[in-house]
Each structure stands twice: as structure tokens, then as C-alpha cells.
C-alpha atoms as a PDB file:
ATOM      1  CA  MET A   1      82.546 -19.478 114.686  1.00  0.00           C
ATOM      2  CA  GLU A   2      84.447 -17.413 117.248  1.00  0.00           C
ATOM      3  CA  THR A   3      85.299 -20.664 119.028  1.00  0.00           C
ATOM      4  CA  LEU A   4      86.884 -22.009 115.855  1.00  0.00           C
ATOM      5  CA  ILE A   5      88.901 -18.850 115.234  1.00  0.00           C
ATOM      6  CA  LYS A   6      90.110 -18.806 118.858  1.00  0.00           C
ATOM      7  CA  LEU A   7      91.065 -22.497 118.686  1.00  0.00           C
ATOM      8  CA  LEU A   8      92.965 -22.097 115.400  1.00  0.00           C
ATOM      9  CA  THR A   9      94.697 -18.949 116.706  1.00  0.00           C
ATOM     10  CA  LYS A  10      95.696 -20.686 119.957  1.00  0.00           C
ATOM     11  CA  LYS A  11      97.093 -23.661 118.047  1.00  0.00           C
ATOM     12  CA  LYS A  12      98.743 -21.403 115.449  1.00  0.00           C
ATOM     13  CA  LEU A  13      96.855 -23.134 112.634  1.00  0.00           C
ATOM     14  CA  THR A  14      96.076 -21.440 109.344  1.00  0.00           C
ATOM     15  CA  ILE A  15      93.254 -22.452 107.038  1.00  0.00           C
ATOM     16  CA  SER A  16      92.434 -22.279 103.319  1.00  0.00           C
ATOM     17  CA  PHE A  17      89.408 -23.254 101.260  1.00  0.00           C
ATOM     18  CA  ALA A  18      88.590 -24.390  97.726  1.00  0.00           C
ATOM     19  CA  GLU A  19      84.834 -24.142  97.312  1.00  0.00           C
ATOM     20  CA  SER A  20      82.581 -25.060  94.462  1.00  0.00           C
ATOM     21  CA  CYS A  21      78.860 -25.446  95.263  1.00  0.00           C
ATOM     22  CA  THR A  22      79.057 -23.137  98.316  1.00  0.00           C
ATOM     23  CA  GLY A  23      80.388 -20.282  96.175  1.00  0.00           C
ATOM     24  CA  GLY A  24      82.539 -18.706  98.901  1.00  0.00           C
ATOM     25  CA  LEU A  25      80.011 -19.042 101.712  1.00  0.00           C
ATOM     26  CA  LEU A  26      82.511 -20.942 103.878  1.00  0.00           C
ATOM     27  CA  ALA A  27      85.194 -18.284 103.424  1.00  0.00           C
ATOM     28  CA  SER A  28      82.625 -15.559 104.065  1.00  0.00           C
ATOM     29  CA  SER A  29      81.457 -17.215 107.280  1.00  0.00           C
ATOM     30  CA  ILE A  30      85.043 -17.178 108.599  1.00  0.00           C
ATOM     31  CA  THR A  31      86.059 -13.729 107.368  1.00  0.00           C
ATOM     32  CA  SER A  32      82.916 -12.126 108.802  1.00  0.00           C
ATOM     33  CA  ILE A  33      84.373 -12.726 112.278  1.00  0.00           C
ATOM     34  CA  SER A  34      86.909 -10.371 113.828  1.00  0.00           C
ATOM     35  CA  GLY A  35      90.303 -12.049 114.225  1.00  0.00           C
ATOM     36  CA  ALA A  36      89.955 -14.141 111.065  1.00  0.00           C
ATOM     37  CA  SER A  37      93.029 -12.500 109.541  1.00  0.00           C
ATOM     38  CA  LYS A  38      95.212 -14.382 112.053  1.00  0.00           C
ATOM     39  CA  ILE A  39      94.114 -17.785 110.724  1.00  0.00           C
ATOM     40  CA  PHE A  40      92.580 -17.404 107.256  1.00  0.00           C
ATOM     41  CA  ASN A  41      95.042 -17.781 104.409  1.00  0.00           C
ATOM     42  CA  LEU A  42      93.104 -17.938 101.150  1.00  0.00           C
ATOM     43  CA  GLY A  43      89.892 -19.046  99.534  1.00  0.00           C
ATOM     44  CA  PHE A  44      89.212 -20.107  95.976  1.00  0.00           C
ATOM     45  CA  VAL A  45      85.795 -20.424  94.414  1.00  0.00           C
ATOM     46  CA  THR A  46      86.537 -22.959  91.691  1.00  0.00           C
ATOM     47  CA  TYR A  47      83.014 -23.283  90.415  1.00  0.00           C
ATOM     48  CA  SER A  48      83.623 -24.422  86.855  1.00  0.00           C
ATOM     49  CA  ASN A  49      85.576 -27.473  85.758  1.00  0.00           C
ATOM     50  CA  GLN A  50      87.845 -25.073  83.860  1.00  0.00           C
ATOM     51  CA  SER A  51      88.754 -23.241  87.081  1.00  0.00           C
ATOM     52  CA  LYS A  52      89.342 -26.538  88.876  1.00  0.00           C
ATOM     53  CA  ILE A  53      91.813 -27.440  86.110  1.00  0.00           C
ATOM     54  CA  LYS A  54      93.465 -24.005  85.785  1.00  0.00           C
ATOM     55  CA  VAL A  55      93.580 -22.857  89.418  1.00  0.00           C
ATOM     56  CA  LEU A  56      93.744 -26.109  91.370  1.00  0.00           C
ATOM     57  CA  LYS A  57      95.561 -28.113  88.667  1.00  0.00           C
ATOM     58  CA  ILE A  58      93.005 -30.935  88.811  1.00  0.00           C
ATOM     59  CA  ASN A  59      93.803 -33.594  86.233  1.00  0.00           C
ATOM     60  CA  LYS A  60      91.249 -33.463  83.390  1.00  0.00           C
ATOM     61  CA  ASN A  61      90.991 -37.254  83.513  1.00  0.00           C
ATOM     62  CA  ILE A  62      89.640 -37.147  87.076  1.00  0.00           C
ATOM     63  CA  LEU A  63      86.875 -34.816  85.946  1.00  0.00           C
ATOM     64  CA  ARG A  64      86.215 -36.875  82.822  1.00  0.00           C
ATOM     65  CA  LYS A  65      86.111 -40.210  84.624  1.00  0.00           C
ATOM     66  CA  TYR A  66      84.465 -39.329  87.946  1.00  0.00           C
ATOM     67  CA  GLY A  67      82.988 -35.838  87.466  1.00  0.00           C
ATOM     68  CA  ALA A  68      83.425 -32.710  89.545  1.00  0.00           C
ATOM     69  CA  VAL A  69      81.065 -34.021  92.208  1.00  0.00           C
ATOM     70  CA  SER A  70      83.048 -37.031  93.346  1.00  0.00           C
ATOM     71  CA  HIS A  71      85.256 -38.326  96.139  1.00  0.00           C
ATOM     72  CA  GLU A  72      88.178 -38.334  93.683  1.00  0.00           C
ATOM     73  CA  CYS A  73      87.739 -34.711  92.608  1.00  0.00           C
ATOM     74  CA  CYS A  74      87.243 -33.501  96.192  1.00  0.00           C
ATOM     75  CA  SER A  75      90.385 -35.337  97.264  1.00  0.00           C
ATOM     76  CA  ALA A  76      92.429 -33.864  94.391  1.00  0.00           C
ATOM     77  CA  MET A  77      91.046 -30.395  95.191  1.00  0.00           C
ATOM     78  CA  VAL A  78      92.174 -30.529  98.828  1.00  0.00           C
ATOM     79  CA  MET A  79      95.560 -32.092  97.958  1.00  0.00           C
ATOM     80  CA  ASN A  80      96.366 -29.455  95.356  1.00  0.00           C
ATOM     81  CA  LEU A  81      95.003 -26.626  97.519  1.00  0.00           C
ATOM     82  CA  SER A  82      97.414 -27.632 100.289  1.00  0.00           C
ATOM     83  CA  LYS A  83     100.348 -27.350  97.864  1.00  0.00           C
ATOM     84  CA  ILE A  84      99.244 -23.878  96.761  1.00  0.00           C
ATOM     85  CA  SER A  85      98.189 -22.423 100.116  1.00  0.00           C
ATOM     86  CA  LYS A  86     100.712 -23.930 102.539  1.00  0.00           C
ATOM     87  CA  ALA A  87      97.998 -23.590 105.213  1.00  0.00           C
ATOM     88  CA  LYS A  88      97.985 -26.116 108.046  1.00  0.00           C
ATOM     89  CA  ILE A  89      94.342 -27.054 107.396  1.00  0.00           C
ATOM     90  CA  ASN A  90      92.873 -27.154 103.883  1.00  0.00           C
ATOM     91  CA  VAL A  91      89.238 -27.712 103.001  1.00  0.00           C
ATOM     92  CA  SER A  92      87.602 -28.507  99.671  1.00  0.00           C
ATOM     93  CA  ILE A  93      83.896 -28.605  98.880  1.00  0.00           C
ATOM     94  CA  THR A  94      82.179 -29.880  95.749  1.00  0.00           C
ATOM     95  CA  GLY A  95      78.559 -30.842  95.306  1.00  0.00           C
ATOM     96  CA  ILE A  96      75.155 -30.282  93.762  1.00  0.00           C
ATOM     97  CA  ALA A  97      73.291 -27.441  95.473  1.00  0.00           C
ATOM     98  CA  GLY A  98      70.294 -27.684  93.139  1.00  0.00           C
ATOM     99  CA  PRO A  99      67.485 -27.247  92.644  1.00  0.00           C
ATOM    100  CA  LYS A 100      68.452 -28.673  89.227  1.00  0.00           C
ATOM    101  CA  GLY A 101      71.453 -30.694  88.102  1.00  0.00           C
ATOM    102  CA  GLY A 102      70.902 -33.862  90.086  1.00  0.00           C
ATOM    103  CA  THR A 103      70.715 -37.403  88.716  1.00  0.00           C
ATOM    104  CA  LYS A 104      69.839 -40.764  90.262  1.00  0.00           C
ATOM    105  CA  GLN A 105      73.534 -41.471  90.854  1.00  0.00           C
ATOM    106  CA  LYS A 106      74.279 -37.913  91.995  1.00  0.00           C
ATOM    107  CA  PRO A 107      71.167 -36.365  93.534  1.00  0.00           C
ATOM    108  CA  VAL A 108      70.672 -32.719  94.473  1.00  0.00           C
ATOM    109  CA  GLY A 109      72.162 -32.363  97.964  1.00  0.00           C
ATOM    110  CA  LEU A 110      75.128 -34.664  97.323  1.00  0.00           C
ATOM    111  CA  VAL A 111      78.217 -32.902  98.664  1.00  0.00           C
ATOM    112  CA  PHE A 112      81.811 -33.952  99.304  1.00  0.00           C
ATOM    113  CA  ILE A 113      83.876 -32.116 101.930  1.00  0.00           C
ATOM    114  CA  GLY A 114      87.606 -32.779 101.950  1.00  0.00           C
ATOM    115  CA  ILE A 115      89.868 -31.824 104.847  1.00  0.00           C
ATOM    116  CA  LYS A 116      93.626 -32.137 104.922  1.00  0.00           C
ATOM    117  CA  LYS A 117      95.679 -31.502 108.044  1.00  0.00           C
ATOM    118  CA  GLY A 118      99.305 -32.561 107.889  1.00  0.00           C
ATOM    119  CA  ASN A 119      99.443 -35.806 105.922  1.00  0.00           C
ATOM    120  CA  LYS A 120      95.917 -36.818 106.889  1.00  0.00           C
ATOM    121  CA  ILE A 121      93.113 -36.451 104.377  1.00  0.00           C
ATOM    122  CA  GLN A 122      89.484 -37.219 104.956  1.00  0.00           C
ATOM    123  CA  VAL A 123      86.737 -36.887 102.381  1.00  0.00           C
ATOM    124  CA  ASN A 124      83.222 -36.837 103.776  1.00  0.00           C
ATOM    125  CA  LYS A 125      80.245 -37.711 101.605  1.00  0.00           C
ATOM    126  CA  CYS A 126      77.072 -35.930 102.669  1.00  0.00           C
ATOM    127  CA  ILE A 127      73.567 -36.080 101.321  1.00  0.00           C
ATOM    128  CA  PHE A 128      71.475 -33.126 102.404  1.00  0.00           C
ATOM    129  CA  LYS A 129      67.753 -33.794 102.027  1.00  0.00           C
ATOM    130  CA  SER A 130      66.651 -30.227 101.367  1.00  0.00           C
ATOM    131  CA  LYS A 131      65.899 -29.321  97.771  1.00  0.00           C
ATOM    132  CA  LYS A 132      66.553 -25.624  98.441  1.00  0.00           C
ATOM    133  CA  ARG A 133      69.863 -24.326  97.122  1.00  0.00           C
ATOM    134  CA  SER A 134      70.527 -21.949 100.029  1.00  0.00           C
ATOM    135  CA  SER A 135      69.642 -24.636 102.601  1.00  0.00           C
ATOM    136  CA  ILE A 136      72.074 -27.099 101.035  1.00  0.00           C
ATOM    137  CA  GLN A 137      74.808 -24.453 100.929  1.00  0.00           C
ATOM    138  CA  LYS A 138      74.255 -23.441 104.567  1.00  0.00           C
ATOM    139  CA  ALA A 139      74.097 -27.082 105.735  1.00  0.00           C
ATOM    140  CA  THR A 140      77.352 -27.777 103.877  1.00  0.00           C
ATOM    141  CA  VAL A 141      79.110 -24.843 105.553  1.00  0.00           C
ATOM    142  CA  LYS A 142      77.811 -25.918 108.986  1.00  0.00           C
ATOM    143  CA  LYS A 143      79.031 -29.486 108.411  1.00  0.00           C
ATOM    144  CA  ALA A 144      82.417 -28.244 107.141  1.00  0.00           C
ATOM    145  CA  LEU A 145      82.879 -26.002 110.198  1.00  0.00           C
ATOM    146  CA  ASN A 146      82.073 -28.917 112.539  1.00  0.00           C
ATOM    147  CA  LEU A 147      84.551 -31.142 110.705  1.00  0.00           C
ATOM    148  CA  ILE A 148      87.228 -28.419 110.899  1.00  0.00           C
ATOM    149  CA  LEU A 149      86.641 -28.084 114.663  1.00  0.00           C
ATOM    150  CA  LYS A 150      87.131 -31.840 115.130  1.00  0.00           C
ATOM    151  CA  VAL A 151      90.321 -31.883 113.055  1.00  0.00           C
ATOM    152  CA  ALA A 152      91.757 -28.802 114.794  1.00  0.00           C
ATOM    153  CA  ARG A 153      91.276 -30.153 118.338  1.00  0.00           C
END
């Protein structure tokens, strides 16, 4: 974590998050480290569809057609976050942390992590095998931090 903060500070990169299934765990993992104020811009926990629509201005049709846990929603979340935050790196997370709420098409542990740096957007689909909510949330944060490190280098 300190490595990430040092790297972002050195490169003068700021970061913002829009989290759903991780409930602020990603933001907390960054802000728990001294020096985070130099790089951390803002974090939203847009847990409900209503908050995704109101705060992140996600088009209702995206949610209706694809659902909140989708490549399309994750992509829209990170795009709209970047407009709001003006941070250099923006990250969005949406998924099913369980233990309930999964379906055959969207099982518990399905998570999308979106990262936007400059004009480049990548949306990563992950399927975490654990059925434990906290394990899925922690694995998602770990994966997101690794992806951020790669993008920042």
C-alpha cells in the first residue's frame, strides 16, 4: 500500500473510487496509510441502483438492460466518476459479495473492476471462488490495488 502511495505521489497522480460491493473498503485501505491525502481525491459508495443513478449519473437503461453487476455498468461508473472527480486515475467496483444474491448467470463472487487513466479504460471481470462476503470484498480490493499499480507504472 505504501508502495502505491509513493508511486502515485512521485508521478503526481491522484485517484478516486466509486465502490459498490466493497462498501468503501478500497478507499479505507488507501486512507489508512499516512500520505494518502497527497493522492486520494474522493470515494463514493454507490451501493444502491438509486445512488448509481443520482450520484454517478448512470443511465437507468444500462441498469435495466444489463444490471448493476455488469461490464456496462462498471464502465459507465468509471467514466462518470472521472468526469466528477477529475482525478488522474479512477476506479469503479461492482459485484456480488454474497453470500446471497447470486444467480447462474451472475454467481456470488462475480466482480467487475473498472480503471480509467487518461483516455484508457479497462474493465476486468473477476470471479472469486470464496462464498464468504468479507473474503470476496478483501480479494476485490487486493485485485484492484494490483491493477492500479500496473496502470500507474
